[in-house]
């Protein structure tokens, strides 16, 4: 999940072109997280480097894949 609150699927989009994920978080083992985000339900991150983030939207590029 990016620092802007945008959730991405692993391997779903290719627009991040650098390997630095120090400001990013991850949503791990949250049932139906992608679907819930699609219904505008915020999902707090529970993994990754930045665990203070909350996902609020789905990446449009990832949605197409």
C-alpha atoms as a PDB file:
ATOM      1  CA  UNK A   1       0.000   0.000   0.000  1.00  0.00           C
ATOM      2  CA  UNK A   2       1.449   3.309  -1.053  1.00  0.00           C
ATOM      3  CA  UNK A   3       1.970   6.293   1.250  1.00  0.00           C
ATOM      4  CA  UNK A   4      -1.004   7.987  -0.463  1.00  0.00           C
ATOM      5  CA  UNK A   5      -3.492   5.373   0.806  1.00  0.00           C
ATOM      6  CA  UNK A   6      -3.752   3.550  -2.517  1.00  0.00           C
ATOM      7  CA  UNK A   7      -3.842  -0.251  -2.364  1.00  0.00           C
ATOM      8  CA  UNK A   8      -2.012  -2.262  -5.031  1.00  0.00           C
ATOM      9  CA  UNK A   9      -2.143  -5.944  -5.886  1.00  0.00           C
ATOM     10  CA  UNK A  10       1.197  -7.791  -5.834  1.00  0.00           C
ATOM     11  CA  UNK A  11       2.390  -7.779  -9.435  1.00  0.00           C
ATOM     12  CA  UNK A  12      -0.747  -5.899 -10.466  1.00  0.00           C
ATOM     13  CA  UNK A  13       0.807  -2.686 -11.704  1.00  0.00           C
ATOM     14  CA  UNK A  14       4.140  -1.645 -13.088  1.00  0.00           C
ATOM     15  CA  UNK A  15       4.178   2.106 -12.488  1.00  0.00           C
ATOM     16  CA  UNK A  16       6.394   1.947  -9.357  1.00  0.00           C
ATOM     17  CA  UNK A  17       9.811   1.961 -10.931  1.00  0.00           C
ATOM     18  CA  UNK A  18      12.098   2.005  -7.893  1.00  0.00           C
ATOM     19  CA  UNK A  19      12.827  -0.660  -5.271  1.00  0.00           C
ATOM     20  CA  UNK A  20      12.310   1.608  -2.212  1.00  0.00           C
ATOM     21  CA  UNK A  21       9.305   0.481  -0.164  1.00  0.00           C
ATOM     22  CA  UNK A  22      10.425   2.104   3.096  1.00  0.00           C
ATOM     23  CA  UNK A  23       7.331   4.336   3.200  1.00  0.00           C
ATOM     24  CA  UNK A  24       4.890   1.610   2.113  1.00  0.00           C
ATOM     25  CA  UNK A  25       2.736  -0.773   4.121  1.00  0.00           C
ATOM     26  CA  UNK A  26       1.070  -4.109   3.450  1.00  0.00           C
ATOM     27  CA  UNK A  27      -2.361  -5.555   4.090  1.00  0.00           C
ATOM     28  CA  UNK A  28      -1.852  -9.181   5.095  1.00  0.00           C
ATOM     29  CA  UNK A  29      -4.436 -11.853   5.782  1.00  0.00           C
ATOM     30  CA  UNK A  30      -7.448  -9.509   5.833  1.00  0.00           C
ATOM     31  CA  UNK A  31     -10.485 -11.337   4.444  1.00  0.00           C
ATOM     32  CA  UNK A  32     -11.888  -9.762   1.270  1.00  0.00           C
ATOM     33  CA  UNK A  33      -9.720  -6.635   1.649  1.00  0.00           C
ATOM     34  CA  UNK A  34      -9.750  -5.833  -2.087  1.00  0.00           C
ATOM     35  CA  UNK A  35     -13.532  -6.134  -2.297  1.00  0.00           C
ATOM     36  CA  UNK A  36     -14.009  -4.121   0.882  1.00  0.00           C
ATOM     37  CA  UNK A  37     -11.831  -1.325  -0.484  1.00  0.00           C
ATOM     38  CA  UNK A  38     -14.002  -1.347  -3.597  1.00  0.00           C
ATOM     39  CA  UNK A  39     -16.946  -0.618  -1.304  1.00  0.00           C
ATOM     40  CA  UNK A  40     -15.090   2.388   0.178  1.00  0.00           C
ATOM     41  CA  UNK A  41     -14.234   0.631   3.456  1.00  0.00           C
ATOM     42  CA  UNK A  42     -10.851   1.829   4.763  1.00  0.00           C
ATOM     43  CA  UNK A  43      -8.425  -0.983   5.653  1.00  0.00           C
ATOM     44  CA  UNK A  44      -5.508  -0.334   8.052  1.00  0.00           C
ATOM     45  CA  UNK A  45      -2.207  -1.916   7.072  1.00  0.00           C
ATOM     46  CA  UNK A  46      -0.806  -4.646   9.294  1.00  0.00           C
ATOM     47  CA  UNK A  47       2.561  -5.309   7.680  1.00  0.00           C
ATOM     48  CA  UNK A  48       5.383  -3.721   5.769  1.00  0.00           C
ATOM     49  CA  UNK A  49       7.614  -0.810   6.716  1.00  0.00           C
ATOM     50  CA  UNK A  50       4.942   1.817   7.465  1.00  0.00           C
ATOM     51  CA  UNK A  51       2.184   0.401   9.645  1.00  0.00           C
ATOM     52  CA  UNK A  52       0.504   3.749  10.265  1.00  0.00           C
ATOM     53  CA  UNK A  53      -1.130   3.815   6.829  1.00  0.00           C
ATOM     54  CA  UNK A  54      -4.764   3.184   5.975  1.00  0.00           C
ATOM     55  CA  UNK A  55      -5.771   2.016   2.499  1.00  0.00           C
ATOM     56  CA  UNK A  56      -8.697   4.041   1.179  1.00  0.00           C
ATOM     57  CA  UNK A  57      -8.797   3.339  -2.573  1.00  0.00           C
ATOM     58  CA  UNK A  58      -7.753   0.657  -5.028  1.00  0.00           C
ATOM     59  CA  UNK A  59      -5.144   1.328  -7.699  1.00  0.00           C
ATOM     60  CA  UNK A  60      -6.901   1.811 -11.043  1.00  0.00           C
ATOM     61  CA  UNK A  61      -4.078   0.012 -12.897  1.00  0.00           C
ATOM     62  CA  UNK A  62      -4.369  -3.011 -10.594  1.00  0.00           C
ATOM     63  CA  UNK A  63      -8.147  -3.098 -11.040  1.00  0.00           C
ATOM     64  CA  UNK A  64      -7.690  -3.605 -14.793  1.00  0.00           C
ATOM     65  CA  UNK A  65      -5.572  -6.738 -14.289  1.00  0.00           C
END
